[in-house]
């Protein structure tokens, strides 16, 4: 388990588990763009929920284990202020 946030450790472990040769193969397997993997590796983009879920689907690893591999030790996640508010609907839906 990582003690500090480091998505590289997570990406490296997934590549090892899936026997992938490089980040391009990882991107194809996860069905994301290679620049997205590069941005995550260089700390310019966080590992978002959709990417984390995709990693779970592809590897079969529990989300908590994936979070531990990148050093994310939060027990709860908070939605942004606009998300998840009961009674608040977009004007497009009204």
PDB file of N, CA and C in Angstrom:
ATOM      1  N   UNK A   1       0.845  -1.185   0.000  1.00  0.00           N
ATOM      2  CA  UNK A   1       0.000   0.000   0.000  1.00  0.00           C
ATOM      3  C   UNK A   1       0.887   1.245   0.000  1.00  0.00           C
ATOM      4  N   UNK A   2       0.520   2.194  -0.850  1.00  0.00           N
ATOM      5  CA  UNK A   2       1.230   3.462  -0.925  1.00  0.00           C
ATOM      6  C   UNK A   2       0.862   4.333   0.267  1.00  0.00           C
ATOM      7  N   UNK A   3       1.793   5.151   0.724  1.00  0.00           N
ATOM      8  CA  UNK A   3       1.492   6.074   1.815  1.00  0.00           C
ATOM      9  C   UNK A   3       1.236   7.478   1.301  1.00  0.00           C
ATOM     10  N   UNK A   4       1.676   7.779   0.075  1.00  0.00           N
ATOM     11  CA  UNK A   4       1.436   9.073  -0.542  1.00  0.00           C
ATOM     12  C   UNK A   4       0.740   8.854  -1.871  1.00  0.00           C
ATOM     13  N   UNK A   5      -0.018   9.854  -2.303  1.00  0.00           N
ATOM     14  CA  UNK A   5      -0.707   9.760  -3.585  1.00  0.00           C
ATOM     15  C   UNK A   5       0.314   9.650  -4.711  1.00  0.00           C
ATOM     16  N   UNK A   6       0.264   8.573  -5.450  1.00  0.00           N
ATOM     17  CA  UNK A   6       1.135   8.372  -6.607  1.00  0.00           C
ATOM     18  C   UNK A   6       0.416   7.480  -7.615  1.00  0.00           C
ATOM     19  N   UNK A   7      -0.217   8.086  -8.622  1.00  0.00           N
ATOM     20  CA  UNK A   7      -0.947   7.292  -9.600  1.00  0.00           C
ATOM     21  C   UNK A   7      -0.033   6.399 -10.444  1.00  0.00           C
ATOM     22  N   UNK A   8       1.257   6.721 -10.499  1.00  0.00           N
ATOM     23  CA  UNK A   8       2.193   5.897 -11.277  1.00  0.00           C
ATOM     24  C   UNK A   8       2.274   4.481 -10.724  1.00  0.00           C
ATOM     25  N   UNK A   9       2.255   4.352  -9.427  1.00  0.00           N
ATOM     26  CA  UNK A   9       2.298   3.035  -8.793  1.00  0.00           C
ATOM     27  C   UNK A   9       1.070   2.221  -9.192  1.00  0.00           C
ATOM     28  N   UNK A  10      -0.086   2.873  -9.211  1.00  0.00           N
ATOM     29  CA  UNK A  10      -1.328   2.224  -9.627  1.00  0.00           C
ATOM     30  C   UNK A  10      -1.239   1.791 -11.093  1.00  0.00           C
ATOM     31  N   UNK A  11      -0.852   2.707 -11.972  1.00  0.00           N
ATOM     32  CA  UNK A  11      -0.780   2.393 -13.399  1.00  0.00           C
ATOM     33  C   UNK A  11       0.236   1.286 -13.677  1.00  0.00           C
ATOM     34  N   UNK A  12       1.366   1.338 -12.995  1.00  0.00           N
ATOM     35  CA  UNK A  12       2.389   0.293 -13.166  1.00  0.00           C
ATOM     36  C   UNK A  12       1.869  -1.069 -12.729  1.00  0.00           C
ATOM     37  N   UNK A  13       1.161  -1.109 -11.612  1.00  0.00           N
ATOM     38  CA  UNK A  13       0.617  -2.372 -11.114  1.00  0.00           C
ATOM     39  C   UNK A  13      -0.443  -2.940 -12.041  1.00  0.00           C
ATOM     40  N   UNK A  14      -1.271  -2.088 -12.597  1.00  0.00           N
ATOM     41  CA  UNK A  14      -2.289  -2.554 -13.544  1.00  0.00           C
ATOM     42  C   UNK A  14      -1.612  -3.102 -14.796  1.00  0.00           C
ATOM     43  N   UNK A  15      -0.608  -2.395 -15.286  1.00  0.00           N
ATOM     44  CA  UNK A  15       0.123  -2.875 -16.468  1.00  0.00           C
ATOM     45  C   UNK A  15       0.772  -4.229 -16.209  1.00  0.00           C
ATOM     46  N   UNK A  16       1.345  -4.383 -15.026  1.00  0.00           N
ATOM     47  CA  UNK A  16       1.954  -5.672 -14.665  1.00  0.00           C
ATOM     48  C   UNK A  16       0.900  -6.775 -14.594  1.00  0.00           C
ATOM     49  N   UNK A  17      -0.199  -6.485 -13.931  1.00  0.00           N
ATOM     50  CA  UNK A  17      -1.262  -7.478 -13.758  1.00  0.00           C
ATOM     51  C   UNK A  17      -1.810  -7.941 -15.102  1.00  0.00           C
ATOM     52  N   UNK A  18      -1.935  -7.001 -16.042  1.00  0.00           N
ATOM     53  CA  UNK A  18      -2.502  -7.311 -17.347  1.00  0.00           C
ATOM     54  C   UNK A  18      -1.433  -7.678 -18.384  1.00  0.00           C
ATOM     55  N   UNK A  19      -0.168  -7.693 -17.947  1.00  0.00           N
ATOM     56  CA  UNK A  19       0.955  -8.040 -18.824  1.00  0.00           C
ATOM     57  C   UNK A  19       1.018  -7.128 -20.054  1.00  0.00           C
ATOM     58  N   UNK A  20       0.922  -5.827 -19.812  1.00  0.00           N
ATOM     59  CA  UNK A  20       0.966  -4.842 -20.889  1.00  0.00           C
ATOM     60  C   UNK A  20       2.368  -4.264 -21.006  1.00  0.00           C
ATOM     61  N   UNK A  21       2.779  -3.974 -22.227  1.00  0.00           N
ATOM     62  CA  UNK A  21       4.155  -3.532 -22.472  1.00  0.00           C
ATOM     63  C   UNK A  21       4.388  -2.049 -22.224  1.00  0.00           C
ATOM     64  N   UNK A  22       3.358  -1.224 -22.443  1.00  0.00           N
ATOM     65  CA  UNK A  22       3.564   0.219 -22.330  1.00  0.00           C
ATOM     66  C   UNK A  22       2.243   0.941 -22.062  1.00  0.00           C
ATOM     67  N   UNK A  23       2.334   2.263 -21.936  1.00  0.00           N
ATOM     68  CA  UNK A  23       1.151   3.060 -21.631  1.00  0.00           C
ATOM     69  C   UNK A  23       0.156   3.080 -22.789  1.00  0.00           C
ATOM     70  N   UNK A  24       0.636   2.949 -24.021  1.00  0.00           N
ATOM     71  CA  UNK A  24      -0.279   2.914 -25.164  1.00  0.00           C
ATOM     72  C   UNK A  24      -1.176   1.677 -25.074  1.00  0.00           C
ATOM     73  N   UNK A  25      -0.596   0.544 -24.704  1.00  0.00           N
ATOM     74  CA  UNK A  25      -1.374  -0.686 -24.535  1.00  0.00           C
ATOM     75  C   UNK A  25      -2.335  -0.545 -23.356  1.00  0.00           C
ATOM     76  N   UNK A  26      -1.888   0.116 -22.307  1.00  0.00           N
ATOM     77  CA  UNK A  26      -2.756   0.347 -21.150  1.00  0.00           C
ATOM     78  C   UNK A  26      -3.939   1.219 -21.542  1.00  0.00           C
ATOM     79  N   UNK A  27      -3.668   2.275 -22.294  1.00  0.00           N
ATOM     80  CA  UNK A  27      -4.738   3.172 -22.747  1.00  0.00           C
ATOM     81  C   UNK A  27      -5.753   2.415 -23.606  1.00  0.00           C
ATOM     82  N   UNK A  28      -5.265   1.590 -24.529  1.00  0.00           N
ATOM     83  CA  UNK A  28      -6.183   0.805 -25.368  1.00  0.00           C
ATOM     84  C   UNK A  28      -7.032  -0.140 -24.519  1.00  0.00           C
ATOM     85  N   UNK A  29      -6.405  -0.791 -23.554  1.00  0.00           N
ATOM     86  CA  UNK A  29      -7.116  -1.742 -22.705  1.00  0.00           C
ATOM     87  C   UNK A  29      -8.182  -1.054 -21.864  1.00  0.00           C
ATOM     88  N   UNK A  30      -7.859   0.128 -21.349  1.00  0.00           N
ATOM     89  CA  UNK A  30      -8.810   0.882 -20.522  1.00  0.00           C
ATOM     90  C   UNK A  30      -9.790   1.697 -21.367  1.00  0.00           C
ATOM     91  N   UNK A  31      -9.552   1.709 -22.684  1.00  0.00           N
ATOM     92  CA  UNK A  31     -10.383   2.464 -23.615  1.00  0.00           C
ATOM     93  C   UNK A  31     -10.385   3.958 -23.299  1.00  0.00           C
ATOM     94  N   UNK A  32      -9.174   4.473 -23.059  1.00  0.00           N
ATOM     95  CA  UNK A  32      -8.971   5.911 -22.869  1.00  0.00           C
ATOM     96  C   UNK A  32      -7.856   6.330 -23.817  1.00  0.00           C
ATOM     97  N   UNK A  33      -7.619   7.626 -23.911  1.00  0.00           N
ATOM     98  CA  UNK A  33      -6.557   8.105 -24.792  1.00  0.00           C
ATOM     99  C   UNK A  33      -5.198   7.999 -24.104  1.00  0.00           C
ATOM    100  N   UNK A  34      -4.167   7.832 -24.907  1.00  0.00           N
ATOM    101  CA  UNK A  34      -2.799   7.791 -24.369  1.00  0.00           C
ATOM    102  C   UNK A  34      -2.443   9.107 -23.659  1.00  0.00           C
ATOM    103  N   UNK A  35      -2.839  10.277 -24.208  1.00  0.00           N
ATOM    104  CA  UNK A  35      -2.549  11.523 -23.479  1.00  0.00           C
ATOM    105  C   UNK A  35      -3.189  11.570 -22.095  1.00  0.00           C
ATOM    106  N   UNK A  36      -4.332  10.917 -21.926  1.00  0.00           N
ATOM    107  CA  UNK A  36      -4.966  10.888 -20.607  1.00  0.00           C
ATOM    108  C   UNK A  36      -4.088  10.140 -19.617  1.00  0.00           C
ATOM    109  N   UNK A  37      -3.539   9.013 -20.028  1.00  0.00           N
ATOM    110  CA  UNK A  37      -2.627   8.251 -19.159  1.00  0.00           C
ATOM    111  C   UNK A  37      -1.409   9.107 -18.828  1.00  0.00           C
ATOM    112  N   UNK A  38      -0.884   9.812 -19.825  1.00  0.00           N
ATOM    113  CA  UNK A  38       0.277  10.681 -19.610  1.00  0.00           C
ATOM    114  C   UNK A  38      -0.042  11.792 -18.609  1.00  0.00           C
ATOM    115  N   UNK A  39      -1.213  12.386 -18.733  1.00  0.00           N
ATOM    116  CA  UNK A  39      -1.606  13.456 -17.808  1.00  0.00           C
ATOM    117  C   UNK A  39      -1.738  12.932 -16.387  1.00  0.00           C
ATOM    118  N   UNK A  40      -2.278  11.726 -16.244  1.00  0.00           N
ATOM    119  CA  UNK A  40      -2.393  11.126 -14.906  1.00  0.00           C
ATOM    120  C   UNK A  40      -0.993  10.869 -14.348  1.00  0.00           C
ATOM    121  N   UNK A  41      -0.111  10.308 -15.178  1.00  0.00           N
ATOM    122  CA  UNK A  41       1.259  10.009 -14.732  1.00  0.00           C
ATOM    123  C   UNK A  41       2.016  11.261 -14.298  1.00  0.00           C
ATOM    124  N   UNK A  42       1.751  12.370 -14.979  1.00  0.00           N
ATOM    125  CA  UNK A  42       2.472  13.611 -14.696  1.00  0.00           C
ATOM    126  C   UNK A  42       1.726  14.543 -13.742  1.00  0.00           C
ATOM    127  N   UNK A  43       0.724  13.991 -13.030  1.00  0.00           N
ATOM    128  CA  UNK A  43      -0.023  14.732 -12.004  1.00  0.00           C
ATOM    129  C   UNK A  43      -0.753  15.947 -12.565  1.00  0.00           C
ATOM    130  N   UNK A  44      -1.084  15.920 -13.856  1.00  0.00           N
ATOM    131  CA  UNK A  44      -1.848  17.017 -14.445  1.00  0.00           C
ATOM    132  C   UNK A  44      -3.330  16.691 -14.498  1.00  0.00           C
ATOM    133  N   UNK A  45      -3.691  15.433 -14.188  1.00  0.00           N
ATOM    134  CA  UNK A  45      -5.085  15.010 -14.163  1.00  0.00           C
ATOM    135  C   UNK A  45      -5.229  13.957 -13.063  1.00  0.00           C
ATOM    136  N   UNK A  46      -6.230  14.090 -12.219  1.00  0.00           N
ATOM    137  CA  UNK A  46      -6.419  13.075 -11.178  1.00  0.00           C
ATOM    138  C   UNK A  46      -7.043  11.808 -11.759  1.00  0.00           C
ATOM    139  N   UNK A  47      -6.922  10.728 -11.037  1.00  0.00           N
ATOM    140  CA  UNK A  47      -7.627   9.502 -11.398  1.00  0.00           C
ATOM    141  C   UNK A  47      -9.075   9.719 -10.980  1.00  0.00           C
ATOM    142  N   UNK A  48      -9.920   9.984 -11.944  1.00  0.00           N
ATOM    143  CA  UNK A  48     -11.317  10.268 -11.672  1.00  0.00           C
ATOM    144  C   UNK A  48     -12.116   8.995 -11.433  1.00  0.00           C
ATOM    145  N   UNK A  49     -13.349   9.189 -11.006  1.00  0.00           N
ATOM    146  CA  UNK A  49     -14.219   8.057 -10.691  1.00  0.00           C
ATOM    147  C   UNK A  49     -14.449   7.153 -11.891  1.00  0.00           C
ATOM    148  N   UNK A  50     -14.665   7.742 -13.064  1.00  0.00           N
ATOM    149  CA  UNK A  50     -14.945   6.911 -14.246  1.00  0.00           C
ATOM    150  C   UNK A  50     -13.728   6.075 -14.629  1.00  0.00           C
ATOM    151  N   UNK A  51     -12.532   6.647 -14.499  1.00  0.00           N
ATOM    152  CA  UNK A  51     -11.315   5.880 -14.802  1.00  0.00           C
ATOM    153  C   UNK A  51     -11.106   4.786 -13.757  1.00  0.00           C
ATOM    154  N   UNK A  52     -11.357   5.107 -12.514  1.00  0.00           N
ATOM    155  CA  UNK A  52     -11.213   4.121 -11.445  1.00  0.00           C
ATOM    156  C   UNK A  52     -12.189   2.953 -11.642  1.00  0.00           C
ATOM    157  N   UNK A  53     -13.403   3.265 -12.028  1.00  0.00           N
ATOM    158  CA  UNK A  53     -14.393   2.214 -12.281  1.00  0.00           C
ATOM    159  C   UNK A  53     -13.974   1.371 -13.482  1.00  0.00           C
ATOM    160  N   UNK A  54     -13.455   2.012 -14.509  1.00  0.00           N
ATOM    161  CA  UNK A  54     -12.990   1.269 -15.687  1.00  0.00           C
ATOM    162  C   UNK A  54     -11.839   0.335 -15.305  1.00  0.00           C
ATOM    163  N   UNK A  55     -10.921   0.813 -14.474  1.00  0.00           N
ATOM    164  CA  UNK A  55      -9.819  -0.030 -14.001  1.00  0.00           C
ATOM    165  C   UNK A  55     -10.368  -1.240 -13.255  1.00  0.00           C
ATOM    166  N   UNK A  56     -11.371  -1.019 -12.437  1.00  0.00           N
ATOM    167  CA  UNK A  56     -12.017  -2.104 -11.693  1.00  0.00           C
ATOM    168  C   UNK A  56     -12.631  -3.116 -12.656  1.00  0.00           C
ATOM    169  N   UNK A  57     -13.341  -2.619 -13.676  1.00  0.00           N
ATOM    170  CA  UNK A  57     -13.996  -3.512 -14.639  1.00  0.00           C
ATOM    171  C   UNK A  57     -12.980  -4.354 -15.411  1.00  0.00           C
ATOM    172  N   UNK A  58     -11.876  -3.748 -15.789  1.00  0.00           N
ATOM    173  CA  UNK A  58     -10.873  -4.441 -16.607  1.00  0.00           C
ATOM    174  C   UNK A  58     -10.046  -5.417 -15.780  1.00  0.00           C
ATOM    175  N   UNK A  59      -9.682  -5.028 -14.569  1.00  0.00           N
ATOM    176  CA  UNK A  59      -8.790  -5.868 -13.758  1.00  0.00           C
ATOM    177  C   UNK A  59      -9.532  -6.820 -12.829  1.00  0.00           C
ATOM    178  N   UNK A  60     -10.754  -6.464 -12.465  1.00  0.00           N
ATOM    179  CA  UNK A  60     -11.486  -7.254 -11.476  1.00  0.00           C
ATOM    180  C   UNK A  60     -11.042  -6.963 -10.048  1.00  0.00           C
ATOM    181  N   UNK A  61     -10.143  -6.001  -9.887  1.00  0.00           N
ATOM    182  CA  UNK A  61      -9.656  -5.633  -8.556  1.00  0.00           C
ATOM    183  C   UNK A  61     -10.692  -4.744  -7.870  1.00  0.00           C
ATOM    184  N   UNK A  62     -10.866  -4.906  -6.563  1.00  0.00           N
ATOM    185  CA  UNK A  62     -11.799  -4.033  -5.835  1.00  0.00           C
ATOM    186  C   UNK A  62     -11.351  -2.569  -5.918  1.00  0.00           C
ATOM    187  N   UNK A  63     -12.309  -1.666  -5.978  1.00  0.00           N
ATOM    188  CA  UNK A  63     -12.009  -0.241  -6.054  1.00  0.00           C
ATOM    189  C   UNK A  63     -11.133   0.186  -4.878  1.00  0.00           C
ATOM    190  N   UNK A  64     -11.428  -0.333  -3.682  1.00  0.00           N
ATOM    191  CA  UNK A  64     -10.626   0.020  -2.498  1.00  0.00           C
ATOM    192  C   UNK A  64      -9.168  -0.369  -2.689  1.00  0.00           C
ATOM    193  N   UNK A  65      -8.908  -1.526  -3.297  1.00  0.00           N
ATOM    194  CA  UNK A  65      -7.526  -1.956  -3.553  1.00  0.00           C
ATOM    195  C   UNK A  65      -6.857  -1.030  -4.560  1.00  0.00           C
ATOM    196  N   UNK A  66      -7.581  -0.623  -5.593  1.00  0.00           N
ATOM    197  CA  UNK A  66      -7.035   0.321  -6.574  1.00  0.00           C
ATOM    198  C   UNK A  66      -6.696   1.653  -5.900  1.00  0.00           C
ATOM    199  N   UNK A  67      -7.583   2.113  -5.030  1.00  0.00           N
ATOM    200  CA  UNK A  67      -7.326   3.354  -4.295  1.00  0.00           C
ATOM    201  C   UNK A  67      -6.081   3.218  -3.414  1.00  0.00           C
ATOM    202  N   UNK A  68      -5.946   2.087  -2.746  1.00  0.00           N
ATOM    203  CA  UNK A  68      -4.769   1.860  -1.901  1.00  0.00           C
ATOM    204  C   UNK A  68      -3.488   1.869  -2.722  1.00  0.00           C
ATOM    205  N   UNK A  69      -3.539   1.309  -3.926  1.00  0.00           N
ATOM    206  CA  UNK A  69      -2.349   1.272  -4.777  1.00  0.00           C
ATOM    207  C   UNK A  69      -1.869   2.662  -5.164  1.00  0.00           C
ATOM    208  N   UNK A  70      -2.784   3.610  -5.264  1.00  0.00           N
ATOM    209  CA  UNK A  70      -2.348   4.964  -5.618  1.00  0.00           C
ATOM    210  C   UNK A  70      -2.176   5.854  -4.392  1.00  0.00           C
ATOM    211  N   UNK A  71      -2.398   5.284  -3.200  1.00  0.00           N
ATOM    212  CA  UNK A  71      -2.173   6.056  -1.982  1.00  0.00           C
ATOM    213  C   UNK A  71      -3.349   6.877  -1.542  1.00  0.00           C
ATOM    214  N   UNK A  72      -4.527   6.588  -2.078  1.00  0.00           N
ATOM    215  CA  UNK A  72      -5.735   7.313  -1.701  1.00  0.00           C
ATOM    216  C   UNK A  72      -6.367   6.592  -0.512  1.00  0.00           C
ATOM    217  N   UNK A  73      -6.283   7.211   0.660  1.00  0.00           N
ATOM    218  CA  UNK A  73      -6.771   6.555   1.874  1.00  0.00           C
ATOM    219  C   UNK A  73      -8.062   7.160   2.394  1.00  0.00           C
ATOM    220  N   UNK A  74      -8.748   7.951   1.565  1.00  0.00           N
ATOM    221  CA  UNK A  74     -10.023   8.537   2.013  1.00  0.00           C
ATOM    222  C   UNK A  74     -11.060   7.436   2.171  1.00  0.00           C
ATOM    223  N   UNK A  75     -11.873   7.546   3.203  1.00  0.00           N
ATOM    224  CA  UNK A  75     -12.958   6.595   3.408  1.00  0.00           C
ATOM    225  C   UNK A  75     -14.239   7.040   2.731  1.00  0.00           C
ATOM    226  N   UNK A  76     -14.398   8.351   2.559  1.00  0.00           N
ATOM    227  CA  UNK A  76     -15.602   8.897   1.947  1.00  0.00           C
ATOM    228  C   UNK A  76     -15.198   9.879   0.865  1.00  0.00           C
ATOM    229  N   UNK A  77     -16.072   9.996  -0.109  1.00  0.00           N
ATOM    230  CA  UNK A  77     -15.854  10.955  -1.176  1.00  0.00           C
ATOM    231  C   UNK A  77     -17.011  11.922  -1.189  1.00  0.00           C
ATOM    232  N   UNK A  78     -16.710  13.164  -1.415  1.00  0.00           N
ATOM    233  CA  UNK A  78     -17.741  14.187  -1.435  1.00  0.00           C
ATOM    234  C   UNK A  78     -18.002  14.599  -2.881  1.00  0.00           C
ATOM    235  N   UNK A  79     -19.271  14.833  -3.166  1.00  0.00           N
ATOM    236  CA  UNK A  79     -19.650  15.325  -4.473  1.00  0.00           C
ATOM    237  C   UNK A  79     -19.444  16.826  -4.498  1.00  0.00           C
ATOM    238  N   UNK A  80     -19.308  17.378  -5.685  1.00  0.00           N
ATOM    239  CA  UNK A  80     -19.204  18.827  -5.774  1.00  0.00           C
ATOM    240  C   UNK A  80     -20.528  19.432  -5.341  1.00  0.00           C
ATOM    241  N   UNK A  81     -20.553  20.717  -5.069  1.00  0.00           N
ATOM    242  CA  UNK A  81     -21.749  21.378  -4.580  1.00  0.00           C
ATOM    243  C   UNK A  81     -22.949  21.239  -5.493  1.00  0.00           C
ATOM    244  N   UNK A  82     -22.739  21.134  -6.792  1.00  0.00           N
ATOM    245  CA  UNK A  82     -23.847  21.059  -7.743  1.00  0.00           C
ATOM    246  C   UNK A  82     -24.402  19.650  -7.892  1.00  0.00           C
ATOM    247  N   UNK A  83     -23.643  18.650  -7.526  1.00  0.00           N
ATOM    248  CA  UNK A  83     -24.066  17.273  -7.724  1.00  0.00           C
ATOM    249  C   UNK A  83     -24.800  16.737  -6.511  1.00  0.00           C
ATOM    250  N   UNK A  84     -25.788  15.925  -6.763  1.00  0.00           N
ATOM    251  CA  UNK A  84     -26.427  15.181  -5.708  1.00  0.00           C
ATOM    252  C   UNK A  84     -27.348  15.947  -4.782  1.00  0.00           C
ATOM    253  N   UNK A  85     -27.704  17.155  -5.131  1.00  0.00           N
ATOM    254  CA  UNK A  85     -28.607  17.923  -4.273  1.00  0.00           C
ATOM    255  C   UNK A  85     -30.040  17.525  -4.556  1.00  0.00           C
ATOM    256  N   UNK A  86     -30.744  17.013  -3.561  1.00  0.00           N
ATOM    257  CA  UNK A  86     -32.141  16.681  -3.781  1.00  0.00           C
ATOM    258  C   UNK A  86     -32.959  17.942  -4.025  1.00  0.00           C
ATOM    259  N   UNK A  87     -33.911  17.833  -4.949  1.00  0.00           N
ATOM    260  CA  UNK A  87     -34.783  18.972  -5.216  1.00  0.00           C
ATOM    261  C   UNK A  87     -34.215  19.984  -6.187  1.00  0.00           C
ATOM    262  N   UNK A  88     -32.962  19.870  -6.528  1.00  0.00           N
ATOM    263  CA  UNK A  88     -32.337  20.803  -7.476  1.00  0.00           C
ATOM    264  C   UNK A  88     -32.252  20.105  -8.824  1.00  0.00           C
ATOM    265  N   UNK A  89     -32.907  20.669  -9.830  1.00  0.00           N
ATOM    266  CA  UNK A  89     -32.852  20.101 -11.167  1.00  0.00           C
ATOM    267  C   UNK A  89     -32.332  21.143 -12.131  1.00  0.00           C
ATOM    268  N   UNK A  90     -31.706  20.663 -13.145  1.00  0.00           N
ATOM    269  CA  UNK A  90     -31.243  21.544 -14.199  1.00  0.00           C
ATOM    270  C   UNK A  90     -32.435  22.142 -14.924  1.00  0.00           C
ATOM    271  N   UNK A  91     -32.294  23.344 -15.447  1.00  0.00           N
ATOM    272  CA  UNK A  91     -33.394  23.949 -16.184  1.00  0.00           C
ATOM    273  C   UNK A  91     -33.691  23.186 -17.456  1.00  0.00           C
ATOM    274  N   UNK A  92     -32.737  22.435 -17.966  1.00  0.00           N
ATOM    275  CA  UNK A  92     -32.944  21.635 -19.165  1.00  0.00           C
ATOM    276  C   UNK A  92     -33.919  20.502 -18.902  1.00  0.00           C
ATOM    277  N   UNK A  93     -34.019  20.061 -17.655  1.00  0.00           N
ATOM    278  CA  UNK A  93     -34.903  18.950 -17.319  1.00  0.00           C
ATOM    279  C   UNK A  93     -36.316  19.406 -16.986  1.00  0.00           C
ATOM    280  N   UNK A  94     -36.476  20.679 -16.758  1.00  0.00           N
ATOM    281  CA  UNK A  94     -37.793  21.179 -16.328  1.00  0.00           C
ATOM    282  C   UNK A  94     -38.692  21.467 -17.498  1.00  0.00           C
TER     283      UNK A  94
END
